[in-house]
Amino acid sequence: MPRIVNPLDEMLFKEVLKEQQRIRVYIEKARYGKLKTIIEGIDEKEFDLDEIAKKLKAKLACGGTVKKGRIELQGDHRDRVRKLLGELGFSEDLVEVE
């Protein structure tokens, strides 16, 4: 018999999961000396990285992509990413900015 999943339970589970994600934010040099902000550690099985990237790109007015289970944003946005991830429900305390 299939288990009936209460949508509220699933939402609460996702919220708890969000608060437990250890996220690493750092800078990488791209081609031609340009900088990109890398965000890794978000579980791509539980969260839609494309949707998170879309929201971050809109808030930061920059381009970016999702590659190899991590979000890449054009430019150096380390200072703002922690706060924006907090607004999306992730624990700011577990966002490590390098």
N, C-alpha and C. Protein backbone atom coordinates (compact mmCIF):
# COMPACT_ATOMS: atom_id res chain seq x y z
N MET A 1 0.85 -1.18 0.00
CA MET A 1 0.00 0.00 0.00
C MET A 1 0.90 1.25 0.00
N PRO A 2 0.70 2.17 -0.95
CA PRO A 2 1.55 3.37 -0.98
C PRO A 2 1.30 4.28 0.22
N ARG A 3 2.36 4.89 0.67
CA ARG A 3 2.27 5.81 1.81
C ARG A 3 1.67 7.12 1.35
N ILE A 4 0.72 7.62 2.09
CA ILE A 4 0.11 8.92 1.75
C ILE A 4 0.96 10.00 2.39
N VAL A 5 1.41 10.94 1.56
CA VAL A 5 2.29 12.00 2.05
C VAL A 5 1.47 13.27 2.22
N ASN A 6 1.49 13.78 3.41
CA ASN A 6 0.83 15.04 3.70
C ASN A 6 1.70 16.17 3.13
N PRO A 7 1.16 17.03 2.26
CA PRO A 7 1.97 18.12 1.68
C PRO A 7 2.60 19.02 2.75
N LEU A 8 1.89 19.23 3.86
CA LEU A 8 2.43 20.05 4.94
C LEU A 8 3.66 19.39 5.56
N ASP A 9 3.58 18.06 5.77
CA ASP A 9 4.73 17.33 6.31
C ASP A 9 5.93 17.44 5.38
N GLU A 10 5.66 17.33 4.08
CA GLU A 10 6.73 17.41 3.10
C GLU A 10 7.36 18.81 3.12
N MET A 11 6.53 19.86 3.24
CA MET A 11 7.05 21.23 3.32
C MET A 11 7.92 21.41 4.56
N LEU A 12 7.45 20.90 5.69
CA LEU A 12 8.21 21.03 6.94
C LEU A 12 9.53 20.29 6.83
N PHE A 13 9.51 19.11 6.22
CA PHE A 13 10.72 18.32 6.02
C PHE A 13 11.73 19.11 5.19
N LYS A 14 11.24 19.74 4.10
CA LYS A 14 12.12 20.54 3.24
C LYS A 14 12.70 21.73 4.00
N GLU A 15 11.88 22.37 4.84
CA GLU A 15 12.36 23.52 5.62
C GLU A 15 13.47 23.09 6.59
N VAL A 16 13.26 21.96 7.26
CA VAL A 16 14.27 21.45 8.19
C VAL A 16 15.53 21.09 7.41
N LEU A 17 15.35 20.46 6.26
CA LEU A 17 16.48 20.08 5.42
C LEU A 17 17.26 21.31 4.97
N LYS A 18 16.53 22.37 4.60
CA LYS A 18 17.17 23.62 4.17
C LYS A 18 18.07 24.17 5.27
N GLU A 19 17.56 24.12 6.49
CA GLU A 19 18.31 24.69 7.61
C GLU A 19 19.53 23.86 7.97
N GLN A 20 19.64 22.64 7.44
CA GLN A 20 20.77 21.78 7.77
C GLN A 20 21.82 21.72 6.66
N GLN A 21 21.56 22.39 5.54
CA GLN A 21 22.50 22.36 4.42
C GLN A 21 23.76 23.15 4.76
N ARG A 22 24.92 22.52 4.61
CA ARG A 22 26.19 23.22 4.78
C ARG A 22 26.60 23.71 3.40
N ILE A 23 26.58 25.01 3.23
CA ILE A 23 26.80 25.61 1.92
C ILE A 23 28.12 26.36 1.92
N ARG A 24 28.88 26.17 0.86
CA ARG A 24 30.18 26.83 0.72
C ARG A 24 30.09 27.82 -0.44
N VAL A 25 30.51 29.07 -0.19
CA VAL A 25 30.49 30.11 -1.22
C VAL A 25 31.92 30.61 -1.38
N TYR A 26 32.41 30.59 -2.62
CA TYR A 26 33.77 31.04 -2.86
C TYR A 26 33.91 31.59 -4.27
N ILE A 27 35.07 32.14 -4.56
CA ILE A 27 35.35 32.78 -5.85
C ILE A 27 36.27 31.89 -6.67
N GLU A 28 36.04 31.87 -7.96
CA GLU A 28 36.92 31.19 -8.90
C GLU A 28 37.19 32.14 -10.05
N LYS A 29 38.38 32.06 -10.59
CA LYS A 29 38.69 32.87 -11.77
C LYS A 29 38.21 32.15 -13.00
N ALA A 30 37.46 32.85 -13.81
CA ALA A 30 37.00 32.28 -15.08
C ALA A 30 37.97 32.72 -16.17
N ARG A 31 37.61 32.48 -17.40
CA ARG A 31 38.49 32.89 -18.49
C ARG A 31 38.62 34.41 -18.54
N TYR A 32 39.74 34.85 -19.05
CA TYR A 32 40.02 36.28 -19.24
C TYR A 32 40.01 37.06 -17.93
N GLY A 33 40.31 36.39 -16.82
CA GLY A 33 40.44 37.07 -15.53
C GLY A 33 39.13 37.46 -14.88
N LYS A 34 38.02 37.05 -15.46
CA LYS A 34 36.72 37.38 -14.85
C LYS A 34 36.50 36.49 -13.63
N LEU A 35 35.73 37.01 -12.67
CA LEU A 35 35.45 36.26 -11.45
C LEU A 35 34.07 35.62 -11.53
N LYS A 36 33.94 34.47 -10.88
CA LYS A 36 32.61 33.88 -10.73
C LYS A 36 32.46 33.39 -9.30
N THR A 37 31.26 33.55 -8.77
CA THR A 37 30.94 33.11 -7.43
C THR A 37 30.38 31.70 -7.52
N ILE A 38 30.97 30.78 -6.75
CA ILE A 38 30.56 29.38 -6.75
C ILE A 38 29.80 29.09 -5.46
N ILE A 39 28.64 28.47 -5.58
CA ILE A 39 27.83 28.07 -4.42
C ILE A 39 27.67 26.56 -4.50
N GLU A 40 28.22 25.84 -3.53
CA GLU A 40 28.08 24.39 -3.55
C GLU A 40 27.68 23.88 -2.17
N GLY A 41 27.11 22.68 -2.17
CA GLY A 41 26.69 22.07 -0.91
C GLY A 41 25.19 21.98 -0.77
N ILE A 42 24.44 22.53 -1.74
CA ILE A 42 22.98 22.40 -1.70
C ILE A 42 22.63 21.07 -2.36
N ASP A 43 21.84 20.25 -1.66
CA ASP A 43 21.49 18.92 -2.14
C ASP A 43 20.59 19.02 -3.37
N GLU A 44 21.15 18.64 -4.52
CA GLU A 44 20.39 18.78 -5.77
C GLU A 44 19.27 17.76 -5.90
N LYS A 45 19.27 16.72 -5.05
CA LYS A 45 18.18 15.75 -5.08
C LYS A 45 16.94 16.31 -4.37
N GLU A 46 17.16 17.18 -3.41
CA GLU A 46 16.06 17.73 -2.62
C GLU A 46 15.60 19.11 -3.09
N PHE A 47 16.51 19.87 -3.71
CA PHE A 47 16.19 21.24 -4.09
C PHE A 47 16.45 21.45 -5.56
N ASP A 48 15.66 22.31 -6.18
CA ASP A 48 15.80 22.62 -7.59
C ASP A 48 16.87 23.71 -7.73
N LEU A 49 18.10 23.30 -8.06
CA LEU A 49 19.20 24.25 -8.18
C LEU A 49 18.93 25.29 -9.26
N ASP A 50 18.26 24.89 -10.33
CA ASP A 50 17.94 25.84 -11.40
C ASP A 50 17.04 26.96 -10.87
N GLU A 51 16.08 26.59 -10.05
CA GLU A 51 15.15 27.58 -9.49
C GLU A 51 15.89 28.52 -8.51
N ILE A 52 16.75 27.96 -7.67
CA ILE A 52 17.53 28.77 -6.72
C ILE A 52 18.44 29.72 -7.51
N ALA A 53 19.11 29.19 -8.54
CA ALA A 53 20.00 30.01 -9.37
C ALA A 53 19.22 31.14 -10.03
N LYS A 54 18.04 30.82 -10.51
CA LYS A 54 17.20 31.83 -11.18
C LYS A 54 16.87 32.98 -10.22
N LYS A 55 16.51 32.63 -8.98
CA LYS A 55 16.17 33.66 -7.98
C LYS A 55 17.40 34.49 -7.63
N LEU A 56 18.55 33.84 -7.44
CA LEU A 56 19.78 34.56 -7.10
C LEU A 56 20.19 35.49 -8.24
N LYS A 57 20.11 35.00 -9.48
CA LYS A 57 20.50 35.82 -10.64
C LYS A 57 19.60 37.06 -10.75
N ALA A 58 18.31 36.89 -10.47
CA ALA A 58 17.38 38.02 -10.53
C ALA A 58 17.71 39.05 -9.45
N LYS A 59 17.97 38.58 -8.23
CA LYS A 59 18.26 39.50 -7.11
C LYS A 59 19.60 40.20 -7.29
N LEU A 60 20.57 39.50 -7.89
CA LEU A 60 21.92 40.06 -8.02
C LEU A 60 22.15 40.71 -9.38
N ALA A 61 21.16 40.63 -10.26
CA ALA A 61 21.26 41.22 -11.60
C ALA A 61 22.54 40.75 -12.31
N CYS A 62 22.71 39.42 -12.37
CA CYS A 62 23.89 38.87 -13.02
C CYS A 62 23.50 37.61 -13.78
N GLY A 63 24.42 37.12 -14.58
CA GLY A 63 24.20 35.87 -15.28
C GLY A 63 24.74 34.73 -14.44
N GLY A 64 24.48 33.52 -14.89
CA GLY A 64 25.00 32.38 -14.17
C GLY A 64 24.43 31.09 -14.71
N THR A 65 24.83 29.98 -14.11
CA THR A 65 24.40 28.68 -14.57
C THR A 65 24.50 27.66 -13.43
N VAL A 66 23.98 26.48 -13.68
CA VAL A 66 24.13 25.36 -12.75
C VAL A 66 24.95 24.30 -13.47
N LYS A 67 26.10 23.93 -12.87
CA LYS A 67 26.97 22.92 -13.47
C LYS A 67 27.48 22.00 -12.37
N LYS A 68 27.51 20.71 -12.65
CA LYS A 68 28.09 19.70 -11.73
C LYS A 68 27.56 19.84 -10.30
N GLY A 69 26.28 20.12 -10.15
CA GLY A 69 25.69 20.20 -8.81
C GLY A 69 26.05 21.44 -8.03
N ARG A 70 26.51 22.48 -8.72
CA ARG A 70 26.81 23.73 -8.03
C ARG A 70 26.31 24.91 -8.86
N ILE A 71 26.07 26.03 -8.19
CA ILE A 71 25.60 27.23 -8.87
C ILE A 71 26.79 28.13 -9.13
N GLU A 72 26.90 28.63 -10.36
CA GLU A 72 27.96 29.57 -10.73
C GLU A 72 27.32 30.88 -11.13
N LEU A 73 27.71 31.96 -10.45
CA LEU A 73 27.20 33.30 -10.77
C LEU A 73 28.32 34.14 -11.32
N GLN A 74 28.04 34.95 -12.32
CA GLN A 74 29.06 35.82 -12.90
C GLN A 74 29.34 36.98 -11.95
N GLY A 75 30.61 37.20 -11.63
CA GLY A 75 31.00 38.30 -10.75
C GLY A 75 31.22 37.83 -9.33
N ASP A 76 31.68 38.76 -8.49
CA ASP A 76 31.94 38.47 -7.07
C ASP A 76 30.74 38.91 -6.24
N HIS A 77 29.95 37.96 -5.76
CA HIS A 77 28.73 38.27 -4.99
C HIS A 77 28.77 37.62 -3.62
N ARG A 78 29.98 37.29 -3.14
CA ARG A 78 30.09 36.59 -1.85
C ARG A 78 29.40 37.36 -0.73
N ASP A 79 29.55 38.69 -0.75
CA ASP A 79 29.01 39.50 0.36
C ASP A 79 27.49 39.45 0.45
N ARG A 80 26.79 39.25 -0.66
CA ARG A 80 25.32 39.28 -0.63
C ARG A 80 24.67 37.90 -0.64
N VAL A 81 25.41 36.89 -1.08
CA VAL A 81 24.82 35.56 -1.25
C VAL A 81 24.34 34.97 0.07
N ARG A 82 25.07 35.14 1.16
CA ARG A 82 24.67 34.57 2.45
C ARG A 82 23.28 35.09 2.85
N LYS A 83 23.08 36.39 2.75
CA LYS A 83 21.80 37.00 3.13
C LYS A 83 20.68 36.50 2.21
N LEU A 84 20.95 36.43 0.91
CA LEU A 84 19.93 35.98 -0.05
C LEU A 84 19.56 34.51 0.17
N LEU A 85 20.54 33.67 0.48
CA LEU A 85 20.23 32.27 0.78
C LEU A 85 19.40 32.19 2.05
N GLY A 86 19.69 33.06 3.02
CA GLY A 86 18.89 33.14 4.25
C GLY A 86 17.44 33.48 3.93
N GLU A 87 17.24 34.42 3.00
CA GLU A 87 15.88 34.80 2.60
C GLU A 87 15.16 33.63 1.92
N LEU A 88 15.92 32.74 1.29
CA LEU A 88 15.32 31.57 0.63
C LEU A 88 15.07 30.42 1.61
N GLY A 89 15.43 30.62 2.88
CA GLY A 89 15.13 29.62 3.90
C GLY A 89 16.31 28.80 4.38
N PHE A 90 17.49 29.03 3.81
CA PHE A 90 18.67 28.31 4.27
C PHE A 90 19.24 29.01 5.50
N SER A 91 19.90 28.26 6.37
CA SER A 91 20.48 28.83 7.58
C SER A 91 21.74 29.62 7.24
N GLU A 92 21.72 30.93 7.54
CA GLU A 92 22.88 31.78 7.24
C GLU A 92 24.11 31.33 8.03
N ASP A 93 23.88 30.72 9.19
CA ASP A 93 25.01 30.26 10.03
C ASP A 93 25.78 29.13 9.36
N LEU A 94 25.12 28.37 8.49
CA LEU A 94 25.77 27.24 7.84
C LEU A 94 26.29 27.60 6.45
N VAL A 95 26.20 28.88 6.08
CA VAL A 95 26.74 29.33 4.79
C VAL A 95 28.16 29.84 5.06
N GLU A 96 29.14 29.11 4.55
CA GLU A 96 30.54 29.45 4.77
C GLU A 96 31.04 30.24 3.57
N VAL A 97 31.38 31.50 3.80
CA VAL A 97 31.89 32.36 2.72
C VAL A 97 33.39 32.47 2.84
N GLU A 98 34.08 32.16 1.74
CA GLU A 98 35.56 32.21 1.75
C GLU A 98 36.05 33.39 0.96
